[in-house]
Amino acid sequence: MQQESLIEYGSKRVIITLTAIVCALLEIVDTTIVNVALNDMKGNLGATTSEVGWVVTAYAIGNVIIIPLTSWLSMQFGRRNYFAASIILFTICSFLCGNATTINELIIFRFLQGVGGGALLVTSQTIITESYPPEKRSMAQAIYGMGVIVGPTLGPPLGGYIVDNFTWPYIFYINIPLGVIAALLTLQFVRSPKYGTKSSIRDIDWLGIGLLAVFVGSLQYVLEKGQDDDWFNSSTIVVFIILAILGGFFFIWREWTAKNPVVQLRVLKNSNLRVGTVLSFIMGFGLYGSTFIIPLYTQATLGWTATQAGMLMVPAALMTAFMMPVIAQLLQRGIPQQFLVATGMLIFFFFCYWGYKIITPDTSKDDFFWMLMMRGIGMGLLFIPITSLALSKLKGKQIGEGAAFTGMMRQLGGSFGIAAITTFMARKTMQHRSDLVTNLDITDPMVQNRVNAMQHSFMAKGIPSNIALQDAYKALDGAVTKQAMVLSYMDVFLYIGVMFLICIPFVMLVKGNMKKKGEKLDLSNAH
């Protein structure tokens, strides 16, 4: 019954909901907004490409370390105090990131910003969920979902606009006014639940905290840097893989045996939450993977600007936002979650297959529109049913613990997705290039005509005949490389689509069994 006491009504609930959404958006937008500014940072701070990559990696590591701890930290300090402190930390670090004068300063402040930001994501979800009565929880998840799905899409166009019209520090400074307002509203309106008791300093599971940091920090490092450092050929990557495995093993052992565990793994005994965390991982793979690959393709292959690439994704994000309340209404009318998730996965498969069919070295902007609209519908069908299923049987403090697991798995799914896609594309591009070169016969009259035509085109610009011939061969080589990259993008779309297609029967099977165990599943959560 403690949970009921946190339900809010009227304008107070509206203010709390808006505050939580703004905080979730701040956190997620900052995950992707820096991507388009890395070149400017590199030049301005005198950093190498490898060093500036840490601006993204440090934030992600801070995120995944803190997310599983949010429920415990909320209990220790009170949710309102912890949430407000996280907003303040995020806001101060945003200012410090913008003022950084060296790359090392920026990386440290980005890590701390990630620590503050990770708490915003999960705590926002818990606050929104507990502010609504059980029969309106699906609508609450829809409102929260708008921020989570739209956020990664808003980052690149917003970052591109700021970098094109101002300077890179402003991508951090825009957080400051929103952070200050959110902190004040949190202190005024958010309430803390009375769950359990605080741990004394002596009882705190310091070993569990340390093992968690080693486990997820090492894992995130491997996923972010593995491809750049050539995986097992790098001794650093091997060391971090071993640390991640050992850290994970001992962390799980510690949390099962500790008297006051810092992360309550026992909440995973709930079958709905177990399935929800797995589906959150798969959804993160598709959400962040597709958000990563489409701008990459349009910029690297089609030559678009960062702003153009980012704007391409906006209509699909708006479609997802439009779909959220519609899906929530379907859930409230008793449509089983497994049907909606299976439909979302099927639509996501068609989106991927469509991408596989239309990608060429010169695909037009119009060709993407309806394909991305399909992605928007698919993401809407996935997010709320998965989240509402995962949290449907949880009560009280378990809601926060469950939200932490689904949030972490969604983030890790995105990291795994981007790491897998980057590695897969690097290998596939080399393979396709090798195949294309093998089939390219320089004595073939068609090939010779193409080279001659390019040579004469260069000569018409005043380039001497021998240099023009070299330039023609270079241009042909560039065309082969570009075609190899396009083929690797096609493979990525196809394989992601197949992965979602394979999951459909398992979704129907597993969730169907759980529904038999408790016929009230869909009604209790999806009123």
Protein backbone atom coordinates (compact mmCIF):
# COMPACT_ATOMS: atom_id res chain seq x y z
CA MET A 1 0.00 0.00 0.00
CA GLN A 2 3.00 2.28 0.31
CA GLN A 3 3.05 2.42 -3.46
CA GLU A 4 -0.49 3.88 -3.56
CA SER A 5 0.51 6.82 -1.35
CA LEU A 6 2.80 8.14 -4.11
CA ILE A 7 -0.03 8.45 -6.66
CA GLU A 8 -0.53 12.08 -7.67
CA TYR A 9 -3.48 13.85 -9.30
CA GLY A 10 -4.18 16.99 -11.28
CA SER A 11 -1.58 19.67 -11.97
CA LYS A 12 0.93 18.17 -9.52
CA ARG A 13 1.07 14.93 -11.54
CA VAL A 14 1.47 16.94 -14.77
CA ILE A 15 4.42 18.88 -13.27
CA ILE A 16 6.09 15.70 -11.95
CA THR A 17 5.60 13.94 -15.31
CA LEU A 18 7.04 16.85 -17.30
CA THR A 19 10.01 17.14 -14.93
CA ALA A 20 10.77 13.42 -15.25
CA ILE A 21 10.48 13.51 -19.06
CA VAL A 22 12.79 16.54 -19.32
CA CYS A 23 15.37 14.73 -17.17
CA ALA A 24 15.14 11.53 -19.23
CA LEU A 25 15.46 13.57 -22.45
CA LEU A 26 18.49 15.48 -21.11
CA GLU A 27 20.24 12.19 -20.36
CA ILE A 28 19.46 10.45 -23.65
CA VAL A 29 20.02 13.45 -25.93
CA ASP A 30 23.47 13.89 -24.37
CA THR A 31 24.33 10.30 -25.35
CA THR A 32 24.17 11.15 -29.08
CA ILE A 33 24.47 14.96 -29.31
CA VAL A 34 28.28 14.94 -28.98
CA ASN A 35 28.78 12.57 -31.94
CA VAL A 36 28.54 15.36 -34.52
CA ALA A 37 30.86 17.66 -32.53
CA LEU A 38 33.81 15.26 -32.10
CA ASN A 39 35.76 16.74 -35.03
CA ASP A 40 35.44 20.26 -33.63
CA MET A 41 36.49 19.05 -30.16
CA LYS A 42 39.47 17.24 -31.66
CA GLY A 43 40.72 20.38 -33.41
CA ASN A 44 39.95 22.74 -30.54
CA LEU A 45 41.52 20.61 -27.78
CA GLY A 46 44.42 19.21 -29.85
CA ALA A 47 43.27 15.62 -29.33
CA THR A 48 43.73 12.50 -31.47
CA THR A 49 40.76 10.59 -32.94
CA SER A 50 41.27 7.84 -30.35
CA GLU A 51 41.34 10.34 -27.46
CA VAL A 52 38.22 12.20 -28.55
CA GLY A 53 36.36 8.88 -28.82
CA TRP A 54 36.63 8.71 -25.04
CA VAL A 55 34.21 11.65 -24.79
CA VAL A 56 31.49 9.17 -25.86
CA THR A 57 32.93 6.13 -24.06
CA ALA A 58 33.39 7.82 -20.65
CA TYR A 59 29.75 8.97 -20.60
CA ALA A 60 28.50 5.47 -21.47
CA ILE A 61 30.66 3.85 -18.76
CA GLY A 62 29.37 6.33 -16.14
CA ASN A 63 25.82 5.48 -17.26
CA VAL A 64 26.01 1.71 -17.02
CA ILE A 65 27.86 1.71 -13.68
CA ILE A 66 25.26 3.87 -11.92
CA ILE A 67 22.02 2.50 -13.43
CA PRO A 68 21.92 -0.76 -11.38
CA LEU A 69 22.72 1.24 -8.20
CA THR A 70 19.91 3.79 -8.57
CA SER A 71 17.29 1.87 -6.59
CA TRP A 72 19.68 1.32 -3.65
CA LEU A 73 20.94 4.92 -3.71
CA SER A 74 17.35 6.21 -3.75
CA MET A 75 16.68 4.18 -0.61
CA GLN A 76 19.80 5.49 1.15
CA PHE A 77 19.28 9.19 0.49
CA GLY A 78 15.57 9.39 -0.33
CA ARG A 79 14.41 9.41 -3.93
CA ARG A 80 13.73 13.13 -4.11
CA ASN A 81 17.15 14.05 -2.68
CA TYR A 82 18.98 11.53 -4.87
CA PHE A 83 17.11 12.58 -8.02
CA ALA A 84 17.74 16.28 -7.33
CA ALA A 85 21.44 15.61 -6.55
CA SER A 86 21.77 13.69 -9.83
CA ILE A 87 20.22 16.57 -11.79
CA ILE A 88 22.57 19.05 -10.07
CA LEU A 89 25.63 16.82 -10.75
CA PHE A 90 24.58 16.46 -14.41
CA THR A 91 24.03 20.22 -14.75
CA ILE A 92 27.31 21.24 -13.07
CA CYS A 93 29.26 18.72 -15.16
CA SER A 94 27.56 20.06 -18.32
CA PHE A 95 28.98 23.49 -17.47
CA LEU A 96 32.43 22.00 -16.71
CA CYS A 97 32.39 20.01 -19.99
CA GLY A 98 31.73 23.21 -21.94
CA ASN A 99 34.57 24.96 -20.07
CA ALA A 100 37.10 22.11 -20.44
CA THR A 101 40.46 23.25 -21.82
CA THR A 102 42.10 19.83 -22.29
CA ILE A 103 40.79 16.50 -23.57
CA ASN A 104 41.52 14.82 -20.21
CA GLU A 105 39.38 17.37 -18.37
CA LEU A 106 36.54 16.82 -20.83
CA ILE A 107 36.72 13.01 -20.46
CA ILE A 108 36.64 13.22 -16.61
CA PHE A 109 33.68 15.63 -16.62
CA ARG A 110 31.84 13.49 -19.20
CA PHE A 111 32.25 10.43 -16.96
CA LEU A 112 30.81 12.35 -14.00
CA GLN A 113 28.03 13.70 -16.22
CA GLY A 114 27.26 10.08 -17.18
CA VAL A 115 27.09 9.12 -13.48
CA GLY A 116 24.51 11.88 -12.90
CA GLY A 117 22.69 11.08 -16.15
CA GLY A 118 22.30 7.34 -15.58
CA ALA A 119 20.31 8.04 -12.44
CA LEU A 120 18.00 10.43 -14.31
CA LEU A 121 16.95 7.76 -16.78
CA VAL A 122 15.84 5.03 -14.37
CA THR A 123 14.56 7.26 -11.57
CA SER A 124 12.43 9.21 -14.07
CA GLN A 125 10.75 5.97 -15.11
CA THR A 126 10.11 4.95 -11.49
CA ILE A 127 8.72 8.38 -10.54
CA ILE A 128 6.33 8.45 -13.50
CA THR A 129 5.20 4.84 -12.89
CA GLU A 130 4.45 5.43 -9.21
CA SER A 131 2.70 8.77 -9.81
CA TYR A 132 -0.08 7.04 -11.77
CA PRO A 133 -2.66 4.55 -10.45
CA PRO A 134 -2.20 0.93 -11.67
CA GLU A 135 -4.98 1.23 -14.27
CA LYS A 136 -3.11 4.11 -15.95
CA ARG A 137 0.42 2.67 -15.77
CA SER A 138 0.51 1.83 -19.49
CA MET A 139 -0.20 5.46 -20.33
CA ALA A 140 2.55 6.48 -17.90
CA GLN A 141 5.00 4.19 -19.73
CA ALA A 142 3.85 5.71 -23.04
CA ILE A 143 4.67 9.20 -21.78
CA TYR A 144 8.09 8.07 -20.52
CA GLY A 145 8.68 6.10 -23.74
CA MET A 146 8.34 9.22 -25.86
CA GLY A 147 11.47 10.62 -24.22
CA VAL A 148 13.45 7.36 -24.47
CA ILE A 149 12.67 6.72 -28.14
CA VAL A 150 12.72 10.34 -29.39
CA GLY A 151 15.85 11.31 -27.40
CA PRO A 152 18.53 9.43 -29.39
CA THR A 153 17.02 10.83 -32.60
CA LEU A 154 17.01 14.46 -31.44
CA GLY A 155 20.71 14.41 -30.50
CA PRO A 156 22.39 14.49 -33.95
CA PRO A 157 20.23 17.22 -35.63
CA LEU A 158 20.34 19.39 -32.50
CA GLY A 159 24.11 18.87 -32.17
CA GLY A 160 24.60 19.53 -35.89
CA TYR A 161 22.63 22.80 -35.70
CA ILE A 162 24.57 24.01 -32.64
CA VAL A 163 27.98 23.11 -34.14
CA ASP A 164 27.09 24.72 -37.49
CA ASN A 165 25.78 27.96 -35.93
CA PHE A 166 27.65 28.29 -32.60
CA THR A 167 30.59 26.42 -31.02
CA TRP A 168 30.76 22.92 -29.51
CA PRO A 169 30.62 24.00 -25.80
CA TYR A 170 27.01 25.08 -26.37
CA ILE A 171 25.91 21.45 -26.79
CA PHE A 172 26.64 21.20 -23.04
CA TYR A 173 25.50 24.69 -22.02
CA ILE A 174 21.92 24.11 -23.28
CA ASN A 175 21.51 21.58 -20.43
CA ILE A 176 22.07 24.22 -17.73
CA PRO A 177 18.73 26.17 -17.72
CA LEU A 178 16.71 22.94 -18.10
CA GLY A 179 18.73 21.29 -15.32
CA VAL A 180 18.22 24.19 -12.91
CA ILE A 181 14.43 24.24 -13.52
CA ALA A 182 14.18 20.44 -13.19
CA ALA A 183 16.14 20.46 -9.90
CA LEU A 184 13.88 23.15 -8.39
CA LEU A 185 10.69 21.37 -9.50
CA THR A 186 12.00 18.05 -8.12
CA LEU A 187 12.72 19.54 -4.69
CA GLN A 188 9.27 21.16 -4.66
CA PHE A 189 7.01 18.39 -5.99
CA VAL A 190 8.64 14.91 -5.99
CA ARG A 191 8.04 12.75 -2.91
CA SER A 192 10.21 9.95 -1.52
CA PRO A 193 8.69 6.57 -0.71
CA LYS A 194 9.30 5.02 2.72
CA TYR A 195 10.77 1.70 1.66
CA GLY A 196 12.92 -0.25 4.10
CA THR A 197 15.69 1.28 6.14
CA LYS A 198 18.97 2.95 5.30
CA SER A 199 22.19 0.98 5.59
CA SER A 200 24.77 2.19 8.05
CA ILE A 201 28.25 2.89 6.63
CA ARG A 202 29.42 -0.42 8.10
CA ASP A 203 26.61 -2.40 6.42
CA ILE A 204 27.03 -0.90 2.95
CA ASP A 205 28.00 -3.49 0.34
CA TRP A 206 31.21 -1.73 -0.75
CA LEU A 207 32.57 -4.92 -2.33
CA GLY A 208 29.39 -5.28 -4.40
CA ILE A 209 29.69 -1.67 -5.59
CA GLY A 210 33.36 -2.22 -6.53
CA LEU A 211 32.65 -5.49 -8.38
CA LEU A 212 29.75 -3.89 -10.24
CA ALA A 213 31.97 -0.99 -11.37
CA VAL A 214 34.68 -3.43 -12.54
CA PHE A 215 32.13 -5.66 -14.31
CA VAL A 216 30.02 -3.16 -16.27
CA GLY A 217 32.83 -0.60 -16.67
CA SER A 218 35.14 -3.21 -18.24
CA LEU A 219 32.34 -4.62 -20.38
CA GLN A 220 31.38 -1.17 -21.69
CA TYR A 221 35.04 -0.38 -22.45
CA VAL A 222 35.41 -3.61 -24.45
CA LEU A 223 32.24 -2.88 -26.43
CA GLU A 224 33.22 0.73 -27.16
CA LYS A 225 36.89 0.18 -27.98
CA GLY A 226 37.07 -3.45 -29.17
CA GLN A 227 36.85 -2.80 -32.91
CA ASP A 228 39.19 0.22 -32.82
CA ASP A 229 41.86 -1.80 -30.97
CA ASP A 230 41.36 -4.99 -33.06
CA TRP A 231 39.77 -7.07 -30.30
CA PHE A 232 41.90 -10.03 -29.13
CA ASN A 233 45.01 -8.65 -30.85
CA SER A 234 45.08 -5.90 -28.21
CA SER A 235 46.45 -6.88 -24.81
CA THR A 236 44.42 -4.04 -23.20
CA ILE A 237 41.15 -5.42 -24.62
CA VAL A 238 42.06 -8.95 -23.45
CA VAL A 239 42.74 -7.65 -19.92
CA PHE A 240 39.38 -5.85 -19.82
CA ILE A 241 37.54 -8.92 -21.16
CA ILE A 242 39.06 -11.00 -18.32
CA LEU A 243 38.14 -8.25 -15.81
CA ALA A 244 34.55 -8.16 -17.14
CA ILE A 245 34.16 -11.96 -16.87
CA LEU A 246 35.69 -12.20 -13.37
CA GLY A 247 33.92 -9.04 -12.20
CA GLY A 248 30.56 -10.37 -13.46
CA PHE A 249 31.03 -13.78 -11.83
CA PHE A 250 32.07 -12.44 -8.44
CA PHE A 251 29.47 -9.64 -8.54
CA ILE A 252 26.63 -12.15 -9.04
CA TRP A 253 28.06 -14.41 -6.32
CA ARG A 254 28.38 -11.45 -3.93
CA GLU A 255 24.87 -10.14 -4.51
CA TRP A 256 23.29 -13.57 -3.95
CA THR A 257 25.19 -14.14 -0.69
CA ALA A 258 25.46 -10.64 0.84
CA LYS A 259 23.21 -9.74 3.79
CA ASN A 260 22.52 -6.24 2.38
CA PRO A 261 23.16 -6.53 -1.39
CA VAL A 262 23.54 -3.26 -3.28
CA VAL A 263 21.64 -4.72 -6.28
CA GLN A 264 18.68 -6.98 -5.51
CA LEU A 265 19.15 -9.82 -8.01
CA ARG A 266 16.30 -11.71 -6.30
CA VAL A 267 13.82 -9.42 -8.04
CA LEU A 268 14.73 -11.36 -11.22
CA LYS A 269 12.85 -14.34 -9.77
CA ASN A 270 9.83 -12.57 -11.27
CA SER A 271 9.32 -14.29 -14.63
CA ASN A 272 7.80 -11.21 -16.28
CA LEU A 273 10.83 -9.11 -15.35
CA ARG A 274 13.28 -11.77 -16.63
CA VAL A 275 11.63 -11.84 -20.04
CA GLY A 276 11.31 -8.05 -20.02
CA THR A 277 15.04 -7.57 -19.42
CA VAL A 278 15.93 -9.91 -22.33
CA LEU A 279 13.47 -8.10 -24.63
CA SER A 280 14.83 -4.72 -23.46
CA PHE A 281 18.30 -5.86 -24.54
CA ILE A 282 17.02 -6.85 -28.00
CA MET A 283 15.07 -3.59 -28.31
CA GLY A 284 18.19 -1.59 -27.34
CA PHE A 285 20.15 -3.49 -30.00
CA GLY A 286 17.63 -2.48 -32.68
CA LEU A 287 16.96 1.06 -31.42
CA TYR A 288 20.56 2.21 -30.97
CA GLY A 289 21.90 0.01 -33.80
CA SER A 290 19.57 1.55 -36.39
CA THR A 291 20.04 5.05 -34.93
CA PHE A 292 23.80 4.51 -35.40
CA ILE A 293 23.88 2.92 -38.86
CA ILE A 294 21.49 5.16 -40.83
CA PRO A 295 23.25 8.51 -40.11
CA LEU A 296 26.60 6.73 -40.66
CA TYR A 297 25.48 5.48 -44.08
CA THR A 298 24.01 8.82 -45.19
CA GLN A 299 27.13 10.76 -44.15
CA ALA A 300 29.91 8.31 -45.13
CA THR A 301 28.38 7.01 -48.37
CA LEU A 302 25.89 9.64 -49.57
CA GLY A 303 27.94 12.64 -48.36
CA TRP A 304 25.21 14.31 -46.30
CA THR A 305 25.95 16.79 -43.52
CA ALA A 306 25.40 15.84 -39.87
CA THR A 307 22.33 18.10 -39.71
CA GLN A 308 20.79 16.52 -42.83
CA ALA A 309 21.46 13.01 -41.50
CA GLY A 310 19.94 13.87 -38.13
CA MET A 311 16.84 15.54 -39.61
CA LEU A 312 16.12 12.42 -41.67
CA MET A 313 15.32 10.54 -38.45
CA VAL A 314 12.96 13.15 -36.95
CA PRO A 315 9.67 12.23 -38.74
CA ALA A 316 10.07 8.58 -37.65
CA ALA A 317 10.68 9.69 -34.05
CA LEU A 318 7.51 11.80 -34.18
CA MET A 319 5.64 8.77 -35.53
CA THR A 320 6.83 6.78 -32.49
CA ALA A 321 5.71 9.57 -30.17
CA PHE A 322 2.29 9.55 -31.89
CA MET A 323 2.07 5.75 -31.53
CA MET A 324 2.82 5.70 -27.79
CA PRO A 325 -0.61 6.76 -26.46
CA VAL A 326 -2.32 4.59 -29.10
CA ILE A 327 -0.42 1.50 -27.89
CA ALA A 328 -1.17 2.42 -24.28
CA GLN A 329 -4.90 2.51 -25.12
CA LEU A 330 -4.66 -0.94 -26.74
CA LEU A 331 -2.98 -2.27 -23.58
CA GLN A 332 -5.63 -0.69 -21.38
CA ARG A 333 -8.31 -2.49 -23.42
CA GLY A 334 -6.67 -5.81 -22.59
CA ILE A 335 -4.68 -6.60 -25.77
CA PRO A 336 -1.97 -9.06 -24.55
CA GLN A 337 1.56 -7.66 -24.50
CA GLN A 338 2.99 -10.63 -26.41
CA PHE A 339 0.81 -9.86 -29.46
CA LEU A 340 1.92 -6.23 -29.55
CA VAL A 341 5.62 -7.11 -29.07
CA ALA A 342 5.44 -9.81 -31.79
CA THR A 343 3.73 -7.32 -34.16
CA GLY A 344 6.41 -4.71 -33.37
CA MET A 345 9.18 -7.21 -34.11
CA LEU A 346 7.53 -8.22 -37.39
CA ILE A 347 7.21 -4.56 -38.44
CA PHE A 348 10.83 -3.96 -37.42
CA PHE A 349 11.84 -6.91 -39.62
CA PHE A 350 9.98 -5.34 -42.60
CA PHE A 351 11.74 -2.01 -41.87
CA CYS A 352 15.14 -3.78 -41.99
CA TYR A 353 14.25 -5.73 -45.14
CA TRP A 354 13.07 -2.50 -46.80
CA GLY A 355 16.42 -0.92 -45.90
CA TYR A 356 18.21 -3.96 -47.35
CA LYS A 357 16.35 -3.48 -50.65
CA ILE A 358 16.70 0.29 -51.14
CA ILE A 359 20.31 0.94 -50.09
CA THR A 360 22.55 1.88 -53.04
CA PRO A 361 25.55 4.21 -53.48
CA ASP A 362 23.07 7.02 -54.33
CA THR A 363 19.76 6.37 -52.53
CA SER A 364 17.61 9.52 -52.44
CA LYS A 365 16.18 11.15 -49.34
CA ASP A 366 12.58 10.35 -50.40
CA ASP A 367 13.35 6.62 -50.49
CA PHE A 368 13.94 6.63 -46.72
CA PHE A 369 10.71 8.30 -45.61
CA TRP A 370 8.19 5.44 -45.45
CA MET A 371 10.86 2.94 -44.45
CA LEU A 372 11.69 5.04 -41.38
CA MET A 373 8.00 5.58 -40.65
CA MET A 374 7.72 1.79 -40.39
CA ARG A 375 10.63 1.85 -37.91
CA GLY A 376 8.75 4.46 -35.87
CA ILE A 377 5.64 2.27 -35.69
CA GLY A 378 7.70 -0.82 -34.79
CA MET A 379 9.52 0.97 -31.96
CA GLY A 380 6.23 2.24 -30.55
CA LEU A 381 4.84 -1.30 -30.52
CA LEU A 382 7.94 -2.60 -28.73
CA PHE A 383 8.69 -0.08 -26.00
CA ILE A 384 5.52 0.15 -23.92
CA PRO A 385 4.45 -3.53 -24.03
CA ILE A 386 7.98 -4.67 -23.08
CA THR A 387 8.29 -2.14 -20.25
CA SER A 388 4.77 -2.68 -18.92
CA LEU A 389 5.24 -6.45 -19.03
CA ALA A 390 8.58 -6.27 -17.18
CA LEU A 391 7.17 -4.12 -14.35
CA SER A 392 3.61 -5.51 -14.30
CA LYS A 393 3.95 -7.84 -11.28
CA LEU A 394 6.30 -5.62 -9.23
CA LYS A 395 5.24 -3.59 -6.20
CA GLY A 396 6.79 -0.90 -4.02
CA LYS A 397 10.56 -0.66 -4.18
CA GLN A 398 10.65 -3.58 -6.67
CA ILE A 399 9.44 -1.19 -9.38
CA GLY A 400 12.64 0.86 -9.07
CA GLU A 401 14.78 -2.29 -8.97
CA GLY A 402 13.03 -3.69 -12.06
CA ALA A 403 13.29 -0.38 -13.94
CA ALA A 404 17.04 -0.38 -13.20
CA PHE A 405 17.43 -3.83 -14.81
CA THR A 406 15.42 -2.98 -17.92
CA GLY A 407 17.22 0.38 -18.26
CA MET A 408 20.66 -1.21 -17.95
CA MET A 409 19.81 -3.98 -20.41
CA ARG A 410 18.48 -1.47 -22.94
CA GLN A 411 21.73 0.54 -22.68
CA LEU A 412 23.91 -2.58 -22.86
CA GLY A 413 21.84 -3.83 -25.82
CA GLY A 414 22.64 -0.58 -27.60
CA SER A 415 26.36 -0.90 -26.79
CA PHE A 416 26.43 -4.53 -27.94
CA GLY A 417 24.53 -3.56 -31.07
CA ILE A 418 26.90 -0.75 -32.06
CA ALA A 419 30.00 -2.86 -31.26
CA ALA A 420 28.64 -5.84 -33.23
CA ILE A 421 27.62 -3.66 -36.21
CA THR A 422 30.98 -1.83 -36.31
CA THR A 423 32.96 -5.09 -36.21
CA PHE A 424 30.66 -6.88 -38.64
CA MET A 425 30.83 -4.01 -41.15
CA ALA A 426 34.63 -3.75 -41.00
CA ARG A 427 34.96 -7.50 -41.72
CA LYS A 428 32.21 -7.57 -44.36
CA THR A 429 33.56 -4.51 -46.20
CA MET A 430 36.96 -6.21 -46.57
CA GLN A 431 35.30 -9.43 -47.73
CA HIS A 432 33.06 -7.70 -50.28
CA ARG A 433 35.96 -5.58 -51.56
CA SER A 434 38.07 -8.70 -52.04
CA ASP A 435 35.22 -10.39 -53.95
CA LEU A 436 34.63 -7.33 -56.14
CA VAL A 437 38.32 -6.89 -56.95
CA THR A 438 38.59 -10.60 -57.82
CA ASN A 439 35.76 -10.20 -60.35
CA LEU A 440 37.14 -6.95 -61.77
CA ASP A 441 39.06 -7.94 -64.93
CA ILE A 442 41.20 -5.03 -66.08
CA THR A 443 41.34 -6.53 -69.61
CA ASP A 444 37.55 -6.50 -69.87
CA PRO A 445 36.54 -4.02 -72.63
CA MET A 446 33.80 -2.51 -70.40
CA VAL A 447 36.30 -1.87 -67.60
CA GLN A 448 38.81 -0.39 -70.07
CA ASN A 449 36.13 1.89 -71.53
CA ARG A 450 35.22 3.09 -68.04
CA VAL A 451 38.89 3.83 -67.21
CA ASN A 452 39.40 5.61 -70.57
CA ALA A 453 36.29 7.73 -70.05
CA MET A 454 37.46 8.79 -66.58
CA GLN A 455 40.99 9.45 -67.90
CA HIS A 456 39.65 11.73 -70.64
CA SER A 457 37.42 13.47 -68.11
CA PHE A 458 40.48 14.28 -65.97
CA MET A 459 42.50 15.32 -69.02
CA ALA A 460 39.71 17.74 -69.99
CA LYS A 461 40.45 19.51 -66.68
CA GLY A 462 44.08 20.07 -67.77
CA ILE A 463 45.64 17.07 -65.99
CA PRO A 464 48.51 15.37 -67.92
CA SER A 465 47.67 12.02 -69.56
CA ASN A 466 49.81 9.80 -67.26
CA ILE A 467 48.52 11.41 -64.05
CA ALA A 468 44.95 11.35 -65.40
CA LEU A 469 45.29 7.58 -65.91
CA GLN A 470 46.45 7.13 -62.30
CA ASP A 471 43.54 9.27 -61.10
CA ALA A 472 41.15 7.13 -63.17
CA TYR A 473 42.39 3.95 -61.48
CA LYS A 474 42.11 5.64 -58.07
CA ALA A 475 38.53 6.67 -58.86
CA LEU A 476 37.73 3.10 -59.92
CA ASP A 477 39.24 1.81 -56.67
CA GLY A 478 37.15 4.32 -54.72
CA ALA A 479 33.99 3.15 -56.52
CA VAL A 480 34.80 -0.47 -55.60
CA THR A 481 35.36 0.46 -51.93
CA LYS A 482 32.10 2.44 -51.86
CA GLN A 483 30.19 -0.48 -53.37
CA ALA A 484 31.75 -2.86 -50.82
CA MET A 485 30.59 -0.57 -48.00
CA VAL A 486 27.07 -0.42 -49.42
CA LEU A 487 26.95 -4.24 -49.57
CA SER A 488 28.06 -4.40 -45.91
CA TYR A 489 25.28 -1.93 -44.91
CA MET A 490 22.81 -4.19 -46.75
CA ASP A 491 24.08 -7.19 -44.78
CA VAL A 492 23.64 -5.34 -41.47
CA PHE A 493 20.03 -4.46 -42.25
CA LEU A 494 19.25 -8.01 -43.33
CA TYR A 495 20.82 -9.67 -40.28
CA ILE A 496 19.22 -7.29 -37.74
CA GLY A 497 15.88 -7.96 -39.41
CA VAL A 498 16.38 -11.72 -39.27
CA MET A 499 17.33 -11.46 -35.57
CA PHE A 500 14.01 -9.76 -34.80
CA LEU A 501 12.11 -12.26 -36.95
CA ILE A 502 13.67 -15.23 -35.10
CA CYS A 503 12.61 -13.73 -31.74
CA ILE A 504 8.88 -13.65 -32.61
CA PRO A 505 8.00 -17.32 -31.87
CA PHE A 506 9.94 -17.17 -28.58
CA VAL A 507 8.06 -14.03 -27.54
CA MET A 508 4.72 -15.71 -28.22
CA LEU A 509 5.77 -18.93 -26.51
CA VAL A 510 7.31 -17.51 -23.32
CA LYS A 511 4.76 -14.80 -22.69
CA GLY A 512 1.88 -17.13 -23.47
CA ASN A 513 3.06 -19.49 -20.74
CA MET A 514 3.27 -16.65 -18.22
CA LYS A 515 -0.24 -15.54 -19.06
CA LYS A 516 -1.55 -19.00 -18.19
CA LYS A 517 0.10 -18.81 -14.81
CA GLY A 518 -1.62 -15.52 -14.02
CA GLU A 519 -4.56 -14.61 -16.21
CA LYS A 520 -4.58 -11.14 -14.66
CA LEU A 521 -1.22 -10.27 -16.23
CA ASP A 522 -2.54 -8.15 -19.04
CA LEU A 523 -5.34 -6.59 -17.08
CA SER A 524 -3.34 -5.72 -13.95
CA ASN A 525 -0.65 -3.90 -15.83
CA ALA A 526 -2.33 -3.02 -19.06
CA HIS A 527 -5.59 -1.59 -17.81
